[in-house]
Amino acid sequence: MLKPPLDAATLSDQHKGIASHEHHFNGLQAGLRRLASAWLLAALGAIALSLLPPAISDAREARESPSPSPSPSPSSITQPGDHDLSLVWQGEARRYRVHVPPTFKASQPSAVVYFFHGGGSNLAHAANEAFYGQVGESDRRGHIVVFPNGHSRLRSGKLATWNAGHCCGSARDEQVDDVGFVRALHAELQRRVRVDPTRVFAAGMSNGGMMAYRLACEASDVFSAIAAVAGTDNTRVCQPERAVSILHIHAKDDERVLFNGGAGQDSRHVTDFVSVPESTAKWARLNGCQAATRGVLDAPGARCVVHDGCRDGKQVQLCVTDTGGHAWPGGRKVRGGAGSPALSATERMGAFFFER
């Protein structure tokens, strides 16, 4: 059966419906295109950000992220005992230990001794009482002793060295700024405890003693006296701003840092060490001391002489033991054996710093 033909009104309504559907469809297509474009732009932006150099990417993140809270300042040390801490220097987390004596009073300025371990060692050895006796000396005299760790390629901090100029190891080879490190460490210590600026000293064994010499040359505004045991002055440049008292202790039979200069068999690849007499004579000149020496100790197996008449009441003192080799007199050697029993380097150093 044939349907009757549609009238004009019906045809008009159908055309309007079709037009309406086409309008909605076209709108949906436009919306989808806008959504796709936005998604594509976001994806391309993320890809572009991932390809930026780290410095640019970090700077953008810093602008878009809320500012972090400032790092808290170093907390004060208020109690006696050992405090193991660290300081990031030239991208390396450098450990250090602060030993505070039982008589410590936070309200009073304290004297400070920085004690530097030997090359290839670390702060744990330096703080070992059997080797160097620094903790006991701190407790007896009432000063703070700081044991910094040298530069190490190991996360443990072992096998560390100091850049003392011509010596030693990776610290020297990589030109580590160890003077800058010690200055930064001292600034941090001053934020933790009250320090007597007139009684800040540096001491060390072997490469650590050489580091003490470098601090005398480049940080005389901080250190008023240094003590070096079995380590001579091997600095590259030495122009101290003011006079610094020097105590040097050395065994005549040192097999590594030879008394009369040069390196022993086990140290022949390190450097050609400056001699003991040349090191002390150099500091007698720098301090404006008398060239002649005066004897202050003459004991079996050990002798000490001093250069008097130095500027600002300073002194240059040399103590020599007949035996003991490359070791701390009065202490045990790390690899077995002992230093010369004729002299206690720990007691001599304490008297030099605190009793003159």
C-alpha atoms as a PDB file:
ATOM      1  CA  MET A   1       0.000   0.000   0.000  1.00  0.00           C
ATOM      2  CA  LEU A   2       1.462   3.354  -1.031  1.00  0.00           C
ATOM      3  CA  LYS A   3       2.033   6.012   1.591  1.00  0.00           C
ATOM      4  CA  PRO A   4       0.613   9.392   0.787  1.00  0.00           C
ATOM      5  CA  PRO A   5       3.132  11.994  -0.213  1.00  0.00           C
ATOM      6  CA  LEU A   6       4.462  14.241   2.570  1.00  0.00           C
ATOM      7  CA  ASP A   7       3.187  17.723   2.659  1.00  0.00           C
ATOM      8  CA  ALA A   8       5.456  20.776   2.712  1.00  0.00           C
ATOM      9  CA  ALA A   9       5.099  21.330   6.473  1.00  0.00           C
ATOM     10  CA  THR A  10       6.236  17.804   7.317  1.00  0.00           C
ATOM     11  CA  LEU A  11       9.167  18.066   4.965  1.00  0.00           C
ATOM     12  CA  SER A  12      10.168  21.327   6.573  1.00  0.00           C
ATOM     13  CA  ASP A  13      10.050  19.799  10.075  1.00  0.00           C
ATOM     14  CA  GLN A  14      12.197  16.854   8.979  1.00  0.00           C
ATOM     15  CA  HIS A  15      14.784  19.170   7.407  1.00  0.00           C
ATOM     16  CA  LYS A  16      14.911  21.168  10.642  1.00  0.00           C
ATOM     17  CA  GLY A  17      15.502  17.955  12.651  1.00  0.00           C
ATOM     18  CA  ILE A  18      18.265  16.869  10.328  1.00  0.00           C
ATOM     19  CA  ALA A  19      19.840  20.317  10.519  1.00  0.00           C
ATOM     20  CA  SER A  20      19.643  20.213  14.305  1.00  0.00           C
ATOM     21  CA  HIS A  21      21.347  16.797  14.456  1.00  0.00           C
ATOM     22  CA  GLU A  22      24.017  18.040  12.061  1.00  0.00           C
ATOM     23  CA  HIS A  23      24.556  21.101  14.282  1.00  0.00           C
ATOM     24  CA  HIS A  24      24.978  18.958  17.420  1.00  0.00           C
ATOM     25  CA  PHE A  25      27.265  16.556  15.569  1.00  0.00           C
ATOM     26  CA  ASN A  26      29.413  19.394  14.259  1.00  0.00           C
ATOM     27  CA  GLY A  27      29.614  20.878  17.782  1.00  0.00           C
ATOM     28  CA  LEU A  28      30.677  17.507  19.186  1.00  0.00           C
ATOM     29  CA  GLN A  29      33.360  17.209  16.526  1.00  0.00           C
ATOM     30  CA  ALA A  30      34.682  20.694  17.342  1.00  0.00           C
ATOM     31  CA  GLY A  31      34.762  19.880  21.056  1.00  0.00           C
ATOM     32  CA  LEU A  32      36.641  16.662  20.440  1.00  0.00           C
ATOM     33  CA  ARG A  33      39.136  18.499  18.259  1.00  0.00           C
ATOM     34  CA  ARG A  34      39.713  21.118  21.003  1.00  0.00           C
ATOM     35  CA  LEU A  35      40.144  18.356  23.618  1.00  0.00           C
ATOM     36  CA  ALA A  36      42.580  16.472  21.400  1.00  0.00           C
ATOM     37  CA  SER A  37      44.572  19.630  20.731  1.00  0.00           C
ATOM     38  CA  ALA A  38      44.803  20.446  24.433  1.00  0.00           C
ATOM     39  CA  TRP A  39      45.910  16.892  25.239  1.00  0.00           C
ATOM     40  CA  LEU A  40      48.497  16.974  22.448  1.00  0.00           C
ATOM     41  CA  LEU A  41      49.904  20.318  23.618  1.00  0.00           C
ATOM     42  CA  ALA A  42      50.175  19.027  27.192  1.00  0.00           C
ATOM     43  CA  ALA A  43      51.946  15.869  26.038  1.00  0.00           C
ATOM     44  CA  LEU A  44      54.346  17.838  23.856  1.00  0.00           C
ATOM     45  CA  GLY A  45      55.055  20.199  26.752  1.00  0.00           C
ATOM     46  CA  ALA A  46      55.896  17.327  29.064  1.00  0.00           C
ATOM     47  CA  ILE A  47      58.201  15.810  26.464  1.00  0.00           C
ATOM     48  CA  ALA A  48      59.908  19.161  25.881  1.00  0.00           C
ATOM     49  CA  LEU A  49      60.414  19.675  29.626  1.00  0.00           C
ATOM     50  CA  SER A  50      62.014  16.259  29.939  1.00  0.00           C
ATOM     51  CA  LEU A  51      64.490  17.206  27.210  1.00  0.00           C
ATOM     52  CA  LEU A  52      65.616  20.446  28.864  1.00  0.00           C
ATOM     53  CA  PRO A  53      69.147  20.586  30.353  1.00  0.00           C
ATOM     54  CA  PRO A  54      69.092  19.852  34.130  1.00  0.00           C
ATOM     55  CA  ALA A  55      69.948  23.413  35.128  1.00  0.00           C
ATOM     56  CA  ILE A  56      67.064  24.876  33.107  1.00  0.00           C
ATOM     57  CA  SER A  57      64.662  22.163  34.263  1.00  0.00           C
ATOM     58  CA  ASP A  58      65.630  22.670  37.905  1.00  0.00           C
ATOM     59  CA  ALA A  59      65.230  26.448  37.577  1.00  0.00           C
ATOM     60  CA  ARG A  60      61.718  26.024  36.155  1.00  0.00           C
ATOM     61  CA  GLU A  61      60.765  23.596  38.929  1.00  0.00           C
ATOM     62  CA  ALA A  62      62.101  26.044  41.476  1.00  0.00           C
ATOM     63  CA  ARG A  63      59.866  28.798  40.055  1.00  0.00           C
ATOM     64  CA  GLU A  64      56.773  26.583  39.942  1.00  0.00           C
ATOM     65  CA  SER A  65      57.282  24.869  43.317  1.00  0.00           C
ATOM     66  CA  PRO A  66      56.741  26.556  46.664  1.00  0.00           C
ATOM     67  CA  SER A  67      59.979  27.768  48.274  1.00  0.00           C
ATOM     68  CA  PRO A  68      61.364  25.208  50.751  1.00  0.00           C
ATOM     69  CA  SER A  69      61.762  26.147  54.368  1.00  0.00           C
ATOM     70  CA  PRO A  70      65.291  27.343  55.183  1.00  0.00           C
ATOM     71  CA  SER A  71      67.579  24.662  56.592  1.00  0.00           C
ATOM     72  CA  PRO A  72      67.862  24.861  60.359  1.00  0.00           C
ATOM     73  CA  SER A  73      71.102  26.321  61.675  1.00  0.00           C
ATOM     74  CA  PRO A  74      73.516  23.872  63.325  1.00  0.00           C
ATOM     75  CA  SER A  75      72.260  22.863  66.742  1.00  0.00           C
ATOM     76  CA  SER A  76      74.291  23.951  69.739  1.00  0.00           C
ATOM     77  CA  ILE A  77      76.496  21.478  71.569  1.00  0.00           C
ATOM     78  CA  THR A  78      75.572  21.634  75.236  1.00  0.00           C
ATOM     79  CA  GLN A  79      76.761  18.317  76.648  1.00  0.00           C
ATOM     80  CA  PRO A  80      80.155  16.588  77.086  1.00  0.00           C
ATOM     81  CA  GLY A  81      80.966  13.533  75.010  1.00  0.00           C
ATOM     82  CA  ASP A  82      81.514  12.654  71.359  1.00  0.00           C
ATOM     83  CA  HIS A  83      79.421  14.327  68.671  1.00  0.00           C
ATOM     84  CA  ASP A  84      79.676  12.811  65.173  1.00  0.00           C
ATOM     85  CA  LEU A  85      78.716  15.341  62.523  1.00  0.00           C
ATOM     86  CA  SER A  86      79.247  16.056  58.825  1.00  0.00           C
ATOM     87  CA  LEU A  87      79.690  18.998  56.499  1.00  0.00           C
ATOM     88  CA  VAL A  88      79.211  18.993  52.732  1.00  0.00           C
ATOM     89  CA  TRP A  89      82.260  20.540  51.082  1.00  0.00           C
ATOM     90  CA  GLN A  90      82.859  20.609  47.308  1.00  0.00           C
ATOM     91  CA  GLY A  91      80.075  18.068  46.898  1.00  0.00           C
ATOM     92  CA  GLU A  92      81.566  15.621  49.415  1.00  0.00           C
ATOM     93  CA  ALA A  93      80.041  14.832  52.804  1.00  0.00           C
ATOM     94  CA  ARG A  94      83.029  15.294  55.102  1.00  0.00           C
ATOM     95  CA  ARG A  95      82.645  13.728  58.521  1.00  0.00           C
ATOM     96  CA  TYR A  96      84.100  15.115  61.708  1.00  0.00           C
ATOM     97  CA  ARG A  97      83.927  14.314  65.408  1.00  0.00           C
ATOM     98  CA  VAL A  98      83.819  16.855  68.205  1.00  0.00           C
ATOM     99  CA  HIS A  99      84.971  15.603  71.614  1.00  0.00           C
ATOM    100  CA  VAL A 100      83.763  17.759  74.483  1.00  0.00           C
ATOM    101  CA  PRO A 101      85.453  17.281  77.898  1.00  0.00           C
ATOM    102  CA  PRO A 102      83.519  16.609  81.129  1.00  0.00           C
ATOM    103  CA  THR A 103      84.361  20.095  82.473  1.00  0.00           C
ATOM    104  CA  PHE A 104      82.718  21.815  79.493  1.00  0.00           C
ATOM    105  CA  LYS A 105      80.472  24.783  80.234  1.00  0.00           C
ATOM    106  CA  ALA A 106      78.437  26.062  77.307  1.00  0.00           C
ATOM    107  CA  SER A 107      78.411  29.581  78.736  1.00  0.00           C
ATOM    108  CA  GLN A 108      82.227  29.872  78.661  1.00  0.00           C
ATOM    109  CA  PRO A 109      84.502  30.117  75.587  1.00  0.00           C
ATOM    110  CA  SER A 110      86.514  26.953  74.973  1.00  0.00           C
ATOM    111  CA  ALA A 111      89.968  26.352  73.565  1.00  0.00           C
ATOM    112  CA  VAL A 112      89.950  24.081  70.498  1.00  0.00           C
ATOM    113  CA  VAL A 113      92.509  21.685  69.032  1.00  0.00           C
ATOM    114  CA  TYR A 114      91.947  20.404  65.489  1.00  0.00           C
ATOM    115  CA  PHE A 115      93.698  17.048  65.114  1.00  0.00           C
ATOM    116  CA  PHE A 116      94.434  15.771  61.604  1.00  0.00           C
ATOM    117  CA  HIS A 117      94.958  12.067  60.885  1.00  0.00           C
ATOM    118  CA  GLY A 118      97.760  10.714  58.720  1.00  0.00           C
ATOM    119  CA  GLY A 119      97.514   9.952  55.000  1.00  0.00           C
ATOM    120  CA  GLY A 120      95.487   6.829  54.199  1.00  0.00           C
ATOM    121  CA  SER A 121      93.838   6.937  57.611  1.00  0.00           C
ATOM    122  CA  ASN A 122      90.609   8.471  58.918  1.00  0.00           C
ATOM    123  CA  LEU A 123      89.104  10.260  61.915  1.00  0.00           C
ATOM    124  CA  ALA A 124      88.420   7.008  63.790  1.00  0.00           C
ATOM    125  CA  HIS A 125      92.156   6.281  63.948  1.00  0.00           C
ATOM    126  CA  ALA A 126      92.910   9.857  64.973  1.00  0.00           C
ATOM    127  CA  ALA A 127      90.407   9.617  67.826  1.00  0.00           C
ATOM    128  CA  ASN A 128      91.780   6.244  68.998  1.00  0.00           C
ATOM    129  CA  GLU A 129      93.266   6.872  72.438  1.00  0.00           C
ATOM    130  CA  ALA A 130      95.862   4.116  72.086  1.00  0.00           C
ATOM    131  CA  PHE A 131      97.432   5.777  69.053  1.00  0.00           C
ATOM    132  CA  TYR A 132      97.443   9.493  69.885  1.00  0.00           C
ATOM    133  CA  GLY A 133      95.905  10.096  73.340  1.00  0.00           C
ATOM    134  CA  GLN A 134      93.991  13.184  72.248  1.00  0.00           C
ATOM    135  CA  VAL A 135      90.718  12.401  74.024  1.00  0.00           C
ATOM    136  CA  GLY A 136      92.444  11.876  77.368  1.00  0.00           C
ATOM    137  CA  GLU A 137      94.433  15.075  76.924  1.00  0.00           C
ATOM    138  CA  SER A 138      91.207  16.947  76.155  1.00  0.00           C
ATOM    139  CA  ASP A 139      89.585  15.591  79.320  1.00  0.00           C
ATOM    140  CA  ARG A 140      92.621  16.489  81.460  1.00  0.00           C
ATOM    141  CA  ARG A 141      93.089  20.033  80.140  1.00  0.00           C
ATOM    142  CA  GLY A 142      89.471  20.881  79.423  1.00  0.00           C
ATOM    143  CA  HIS A 143      89.687  21.862  75.752  1.00  0.00           C
ATOM    144  CA  ILE A 144      87.548  20.676  72.840  1.00  0.00           C
ATOM    145  CA  VAL A 145      89.241  18.462  70.268  1.00  0.00           C
ATOM    146  CA  VAL A 146      87.931  18.161  66.711  1.00  0.00           C
ATOM    147  CA  PHE A 147      88.803  15.182  64.486  1.00  0.00           C
ATOM    148  CA  PRO A 148      88.082  16.063  60.824  1.00  0.00           C
ATOM    149  CA  ASN A 149      88.125  13.426  58.093  1.00  0.00           C
ATOM    150  CA  GLY A 150      90.261  14.034  55.018  1.00  0.00           C
ATOM    151  CA  HIS A 151      89.178  13.663  51.405  1.00  0.00           C
ATOM    152  CA  SER A 152      88.282  10.100  50.453  1.00  0.00           C
ATOM    153  CA  ARG A 153      86.965   8.452  47.314  1.00  0.00           C
ATOM    154  CA  LEU A 154      85.168   5.925  49.512  1.00  0.00           C
ATOM    155  CA  ARG A 155      81.751   6.522  51.064  1.00  0.00           C
ATOM    156  CA  SER A 156      83.121   5.152  54.336  1.00  0.00           C
ATOM    157  CA  GLY A 157      85.667   7.988  54.503  1.00  0.00           C
ATOM    158  CA  LYS A 158      88.553   5.539  54.869  1.00  0.00           C
ATOM    159  CA  LEU A 159      91.910   5.878  53.085  1.00  0.00           C
ATOM    160  CA  ALA A 160      91.587   9.650  53.345  1.00  0.00           C
ATOM    161  CA  THR A 161      94.288  12.225  52.624  1.00  0.00           C
ATOM    162  CA  TRP A 162      94.909  15.964  53.014  1.00  0.00           C
ATOM    163  CA  ASN A 163      95.993  18.419  50.340  1.00  0.00           C
ATOM    164  CA  ALA A 164      98.991  19.850  52.190  1.00  0.00           C
ATOM    165  CA  GLY A 165     100.677  21.224  49.070  1.00  0.00           C
ATOM    166  CA  HIS A 166     103.084  18.697  47.573  1.00  0.00           C
ATOM    167  CA  CYS A 167     101.463  15.870  49.534  1.00  0.00           C
ATOM    168  CA  CYS A 168      99.339  13.734  49.561  1.00  0.00           C
ATOM    169  CA  GLY A 169      97.279  11.282  47.495  1.00  0.00           C
ATOM    170  CA  SER A 170      93.967  12.057  45.812  1.00  0.00           C
ATOM    171  CA  ALA A 171      93.441  15.208  47.903  1.00  0.00           C
ATOM    172  CA  ARG A 172      96.581  16.687  46.353  1.00  0.00           C
ATOM    173  CA  ASP A 173      95.988  15.228  42.892  1.00  0.00           C
ATOM    174  CA  GLU A 174      92.407  16.553  42.738  1.00  0.00           C
ATOM    175  CA  GLN A 175      93.431  19.888  44.298  1.00  0.00           C
ATOM    176  CA  VAL A 176      90.872  19.604  47.082  1.00  0.00           C
ATOM    177  CA  ASP A 177      90.474  22.898  48.954  1.00  0.00           C
ATOM    178  CA  ASP A 178      91.192  21.551  52.416  1.00  0.00           C
ATOM    179  CA  VAL A 179      92.031  24.974  53.823  1.00  0.00           C
ATOM    180  CA  GLY A 180      88.580  26.121  52.739  1.00  0.00           C
ATOM    181  CA  PHE A 181      87.080  23.006  54.309  1.00  0.00           C
ATOM    182  CA  VAL A 182      88.749  23.688  57.657  1.00  0.00           C
ATOM    183  CA  ARG A 183      87.612  27.308  57.566  1.00  0.00           C
ATOM    184  CA  ALA A 184      84.028  26.211  56.872  1.00  0.00           C
ATOM    185  CA  LEU A 185      84.257  23.614  59.630  1.00  0.00           C
ATOM    186  CA  HIS A 186      85.534  26.193  62.090  1.00  0.00           C
ATOM    187  CA  ALA A 187      82.705  28.568  61.181  1.00  0.00           C
ATOM    188  CA  GLU A 188      80.190  25.796  61.823  1.00  0.00           C
ATOM    189  CA  LEU A 189      81.838  24.904  65.129  1.00  0.00           C
ATOM    190  CA  GLN A 190      81.522  28.541  66.208  1.00  0.00           C
ATOM    191  CA  ARG A 191      77.771  28.288  65.606  1.00  0.00           C
ATOM    192  CA  ARG A 192      77.613  25.248  67.862  1.00  0.00           C
ATOM    193  CA  VAL A 193      79.856  26.286  70.766  1.00  0.00           C
ATOM    194  CA  ARG A 194      81.518  29.395  72.127  1.00  0.00           C
ATOM    195  CA  VAL A 195      85.159  29.346  70.975  1.00  0.00           C
ATOM    196  CA  ASP A 196      88.061  31.281  72.482  1.00  0.00           C
ATOM    197  CA  PRO A 197      89.576  32.794  69.288  1.00  0.00           C
ATOM    198  CA  THR A 198      92.972  33.254  70.955  1.00  0.00           C
ATOM    199  CA  ARG A 199      93.296  29.513  71.669  1.00  0.00           C
ATOM    200  CA  VAL A 200      92.621  27.667  68.423  1.00  0.00           C
ATOM    201  CA  PHE A 201      95.327  25.155  67.483  1.00  0.00           C
ATOM    202  CA  ALA A 202      96.065  22.605  64.751  1.00  0.00           C
ATOM    203  CA  ALA A 203      98.033  19.378  65.127  1.00  0.00           C
ATOM    204  CA  GLY A 204      98.545  16.218  63.156  1.00  0.00           C
ATOM    205  CA  MET A 205     100.529  13.126  62.335  1.00  0.00           C
ATOM    206  CA  SER A 206     102.463  12.710  59.051  1.00  0.00           C
ATOM    207  CA  ASN A 207     100.208  14.049  56.240  1.00  0.00           C
ATOM    208  CA  GLY A 208      98.083  15.541  59.037  1.00  0.00           C
ATOM    209  CA  GLY A 209     101.124  17.384  60.382  1.00  0.00           C
ATOM    210  CA  MET A 210     101.802  18.689  56.881  1.00  0.00           C
ATOM    211  CA  MET A 211      98.209  19.921  56.782  1.00  0.00           C
ATOM    212  CA  ALA A 212      98.810  21.757  60.073  1.00  0.00           C
ATOM    213  CA  TYR A 213     101.789  23.493  58.423  1.00  0.00           C
ATOM    214  CA  ARG A 214      99.596  24.565  55.507  1.00  0.00           C
ATOM    215  CA  LEU A 215      97.045  26.025  57.919  1.00  0.00           C
ATOM    216  CA  ALA A 216      99.839  27.991  59.596  1.00  0.00           C
ATOM    217  CA  CYS A 217     100.687  29.409  56.164  1.00  0.00           C
ATOM    218  CA  GLU A 218      97.151  30.119  54.932  1.00  0.00           C
ATOM    219  CA  ALA A 219      94.971  30.438  58.047  1.00  0.00           C
ATOM    220  CA  SER A 220      97.149  32.273  60.563  1.00  0.00           C
ATOM    221  CA  ASP A 221      94.107  34.437  61.325  1.00  0.00           C
ATOM    222  CA  VAL A 222      92.494  31.328  62.847  1.00  0.00           C
ATOM    223  CA  PHE A 223      95.364  29.283  64.299  1.00  0.00           C
ATOM    224  CA  SER A 224      97.813  30.755  66.808  1.00  0.00           C
ATOM    225  CA  ALA A 225      99.990  27.624  67.048  1.00  0.00           C
ATOM    226  CA  ILE A 226     100.434  24.262  65.338  1.00  0.00           C
ATOM    227  CA  ALA A 227     102.166  20.975  66.149  1.00  0.00           C
ATOM    228  CA  ALA A 228     103.440  18.601  63.470  1.00  0.00           C
ATOM    229  CA  VAL A 229     104.648  15.074  64.205  1.00  0.00           C
ATOM    230  CA  ALA A 230     106.523  13.111  61.502  1.00  0.00           C
ATOM    231  CA  GLY A 231     105.364  15.574  58.830  1.00  0.00           C
ATOM    232  CA  THR A 232     107.411  18.460  57.424  1.00  0.00           C
ATOM    233  CA  ASP A 233     106.376  21.717  55.731  1.00  0.00           C
ATOM    234  CA  ASN A 234     105.649  20.762  52.124  1.00  0.00           C
ATOM    235  CA  THR A 235     103.512  23.761  51.219  1.00  0.00           C
ATOM    236  CA  ARG A 236     103.645  25.301  47.742  1.00  0.00           C
ATOM    237  CA  VAL A 237     103.074  28.877  48.922  1.00  0.00           C
ATOM    238  CA  CYS A 238     103.489  30.270  52.434  1.00  0.00           C
ATOM    239  CA  GLN A 239     102.658  33.887  53.249  1.00  0.00           C
ATOM    240  CA  PRO A 240     101.192  33.952  56.772  1.00  0.00           C
ATOM    241  CA  GLU A 241      99.410  37.134  57.794  1.00  0.00           C
ATOM    242  CA  ARG A 242     100.813  36.902  61.317  1.00  0.00           C
ATOM    243  CA  ALA A 243     103.296  34.880  63.362  1.00  0.00           C
ATOM    244  CA  VAL A 244     102.353  31.322  64.343  1.00  0.00           C
ATOM    245  CA  SER A 245     104.068  29.204  67.007  1.00  0.00           C
ATOM    246  CA  ILE A 246     105.464  25.942  65.632  1.00  0.00           C
ATOM    247  CA  LEU A 247     106.197  22.661  67.428  1.00  0.00           C
ATOM    248  CA  HIS A 248     107.840  19.979  65.319  1.00  0.00           C
ATOM    249  CA  ILE A 249     108.480  16.440  66.641  1.00  0.00           C
ATOM    250  CA  HIS A 250     110.369  13.923  64.509  1.00  0.00           C
ATOM    251  CA  ALA A 251     112.309  10.682  64.865  1.00  0.00           C
ATOM    252  CA  LYS A 252     115.857  10.729  63.555  1.00  0.00           C
ATOM    253  CA  ASP A 253     115.244   7.288  62.028  1.00  0.00           C
ATOM    254  CA  ASP A 254     111.902   8.087  60.350  1.00  0.00           C
ATOM    255  CA  GLU A 255     111.800   5.713  57.377  1.00  0.00           C
ATOM    256  CA  ARG A 256     109.044   7.485  55.433  1.00  0.00           C
ATOM    257  CA  VAL A 257     109.491  11.251  55.823  1.00  0.00           C
ATOM    258  CA  LEU A 258     113.273  11.305  56.095  1.00  0.00           C
ATOM    259  CA  PHE A 259     114.734  13.625  58.738  1.00  0.00           C
ATOM    260  CA  ASN A 260     117.228  15.160  56.322  1.00  0.00           C
ATOM    261  CA  GLY A 261     114.803  15.338  53.411  1.00  0.00           C
ATOM    262  CA  GLY A 262     113.526  13.010  50.739  1.00  0.00           C
ATOM    263  CA  ALA A 263     111.178  10.046  50.780  1.00  0.00           C
ATOM    264  CA  GLY A 264     111.844   6.628  52.210  1.00  0.00           C
ATOM    265  CA  GLN A 265     111.353   3.390  50.300  1.00  0.00           C
ATOM    266  CA  ASP A 266     107.644   3.181  51.158  1.00  0.00           C
ATOM    267  CA  SER A 267     107.038   6.841  50.267  1.00  0.00           C
ATOM    268  CA  ARG A 268     109.194   7.220  47.151  1.00  0.00           C
ATOM    269  CA  HIS A 269     106.138   7.780  44.907  1.00  0.00           C
ATOM    270  CA  VAL A 270     104.626  10.493  47.140  1.00  0.00           C
ATOM    271  CA  THR A 271     106.986  13.477  46.949  1.00  0.00           C
ATOM    272  CA  ASP A 272     110.516  14.557  47.769  1.00  0.00           C
ATOM    273  CA  PHE A 273     109.836  15.693  51.339  1.00  0.00           C
ATOM    274  CA  VAL A 274     111.376  18.857  52.741  1.00  0.00           C
ATOM    275  CA  SER A 275     113.840  18.154  55.573  1.00  0.00           C
ATOM    276  CA  VAL A 276     113.101  18.767  59.249  1.00  0.00           C
ATOM    277  CA  PRO A 277     115.907  21.352  59.725  1.00  0.00           C
ATOM    278  CA  GLU A 278     114.729  23.272  56.646  1.00  0.00           C
ATOM    279  CA  SER A 279     111.128  23.312  57.883  1.00  0.00           C
ATOM    280  CA  THR A 280     111.928  24.728  61.315  1.00  0.00           C
ATOM    281  CA  ALA A 281     114.519  27.196  59.968  1.00  0.00           C
ATOM    282  CA  LYS A 282     111.916  28.481  57.523  1.00  0.00           C
ATOM    283  CA  TRP A 283     109.474  29.227  60.336  1.00  0.00           C
ATOM    284  CA  ALA A 284     112.160  30.832  62.467  1.00  0.00           C
ATOM    285  CA  ARG A 285     112.646  33.273  59.573  1.00  0.00           C
ATOM    286  CA  LEU A 286     108.922  33.794  58.961  1.00  0.00           C
ATOM    287  CA  ASN A 287     108.346  34.494  62.664  1.00  0.00           C
ATOM    288  CA  GLY A 288     111.366  36.761  62.979  1.00  0.00           C
ATOM    289  CA  CYS A 289     113.017  34.512  65.581  1.00  0.00           C
ATOM    290  CA  GLN A 290     116.665  34.288  66.519  1.00  0.00           C
ATOM    291  CA  ALA A 291     118.615  31.939  64.292  1.00  0.00           C
ATOM    292  CA  ALA A 292     120.404  30.342  67.266  1.00  0.00           C
ATOM    293  CA  THR A 293     118.581  27.747  69.351  1.00  0.00           C
ATOM    294  CA  ARG A 294     118.372  27.101  73.073  1.00  0.00           C
ATOM    295  CA  GLY A 295     118.085  23.626  74.577  1.00  0.00           C
ATOM    296  CA  VAL A 296     114.988  22.958  76.716  1.00  0.00           C
ATOM    297  CA  LEU A 297     115.106  19.158  77.019  1.00  0.00           C
ATOM    298  CA  ASP A 298     117.974  16.686  77.028  1.00  0.00           C
ATOM    299  CA  ALA A 299     116.701  13.261  78.011  1.00  0.00           C
ATOM    300  CA  PRO A 300     117.868   9.748  77.088  1.00  0.00           C
ATOM    301  CA  GLY A 301     116.733   9.276  73.484  1.00  0.00           C
ATOM    302  CA  ALA A 302     115.190  12.750  73.044  1.00  0.00           C
ATOM    303  CA  ARG A 303     116.197  16.412  72.796  1.00  0.00           C
ATOM    304  CA  CYS A 304     114.241  19.661  72.308  1.00  0.00           C
ATOM    305  CA  VAL A 305     115.495  23.107  71.258  1.00  0.00           C
ATOM    306  CA  VAL A 306     113.689  26.427  70.749  1.00  0.00           C
ATOM    307  CA  HIS A 307     114.149  29.584  68.690  1.00  0.00           C
ATOM    308  CA  ASP A 308     113.522  32.569  70.974  1.00  0.00           C
ATOM    309  CA  GLY A 309     112.897  36.230  70.193  1.00  0.00           C
ATOM    310  CA  CYS A 310     110.022  35.629  67.766  1.00  0.00           C
ATOM    311  CA  ARG A 311     107.425  38.256  66.928  1.00  0.00           C
ATOM    312  CA  ASP A 312     104.354  38.563  69.158  1.00  0.00           C
ATOM    313  CA  GLY A 313     105.770  36.211  71.764  1.00  0.00           C
ATOM    314  CA  LYS A 314     105.682  33.205  69.417  1.00  0.00           C
ATOM    315  CA  GLN A 315     108.121  30.291  69.493  1.00  0.00           C
ATOM    316  CA  VAL A 316     109.543  27.647  67.182  1.00  0.00           C
ATOM    317  CA  GLN A 317     110.415  24.396  68.944  1.00  0.00           C
ATOM    318  CA  LEU A 318     111.964  21.197  67.597  1.00  0.00           C
ATOM    319  CA  CYS A 319     111.987  17.881  69.456  1.00  0.00           C
ATOM    320  CA  VAL A 320     113.947  14.945  68.058  1.00  0.00           C
ATOM    321  CA  THR A 321     113.884  11.311  69.187  1.00  0.00           C
ATOM    322  CA  ASP A 322     116.683   8.916  68.328  1.00  0.00           C
ATOM    323  CA  THR A 323     114.355   6.035  67.508  1.00  0.00           C
ATOM    324  CA  GLY A 324     110.698   5.277  66.885  1.00  0.00           C
ATOM    325  CA  GLY A 325     110.544   5.600  63.125  1.00  0.00           C
ATOM    326  CA  HIS A 326     107.479   7.055  61.424  1.00  0.00           C
ATOM    327  CA  ALA A 327     105.281   7.077  64.507  1.00  0.00           C
ATOM    328  CA  TRP A 328     103.757   9.152  67.320  1.00  0.00           C
ATOM    329  CA  PRO A 329     106.239   9.186  70.242  1.00  0.00           C
ATOM    330  CA  GLY A 330     104.587   7.698  73.308  1.00  0.00           C
ATOM    331  CA  GLY A 331     101.820   6.068  71.259  1.00  0.00           C
ATOM    332  CA  ARG A 332     101.209   2.839  69.403  1.00  0.00           C
ATOM    333  CA  LYS A 333     101.620   2.463  65.660  1.00  0.00           C
ATOM    334  CA  VAL A 334      98.482   1.727  63.670  1.00  0.00           C
ATOM    335  CA  ARG A 335     100.129  -1.292  61.998  1.00  0.00           C
ATOM    336  CA  GLY A 336     101.757  -2.578  65.165  1.00  0.00           C
ATOM    337  CA  GLY A 337     104.735  -1.529  67.236  1.00  0.00           C
ATOM    338  CA  ALA A 338     105.152   1.752  69.058  1.00  0.00           C
ATOM    339  CA  GLY A 339     106.706   5.171  68.774  1.00  0.00           C
ATOM    340  CA  SER A 340     109.691   6.252  70.842  1.00  0.00           C
ATOM    341  CA  PRO A 341     109.132   5.941  74.616  1.00  0.00           C
ATOM    342  CA  ALA A 342     111.654   8.734  75.248  1.00  0.00           C
ATOM    343  CA  LEU A 343     109.046  11.446  74.740  1.00  0.00           C
ATOM    344  CA  SER A 344     105.266  11.810  74.883  1.00  0.00           C
ATOM    345  CA  ALA A 345     104.252  13.829  71.841  1.00  0.00           C
ATOM    346  CA  THR A 346     100.776  14.250  73.349  1.00  0.00           C
ATOM    347  CA  GLU A 347     102.056  15.769  76.588  1.00  0.00           C
ATOM    348  CA  ARG A 348     104.648  17.891  74.806  1.00  0.00           C
ATOM    349  CA  MET A 349     102.015  19.264  72.485  1.00  0.00           C
ATOM    350  CA  GLY A 350      99.615  20.008  75.348  1.00  0.00           C
ATOM    351  CA  ALA A 351     102.272  21.910  77.238  1.00  0.00           C
ATOM    352  CA  PHE A 352     103.268  23.831  74.095  1.00  0.00           C
ATOM    353  CA  PHE A 353      99.685  24.930  73.437  1.00  0.00           C
ATOM    354  CA  PHE A 354      98.525  25.639  76.966  1.00  0.00           C
ATOM    355  CA  GLU A 355     101.486  26.268  79.289  1.00  0.00           C
ATOM    356  CA  ARG A 356     103.737  28.764  77.543  1.00  0.00           C
END
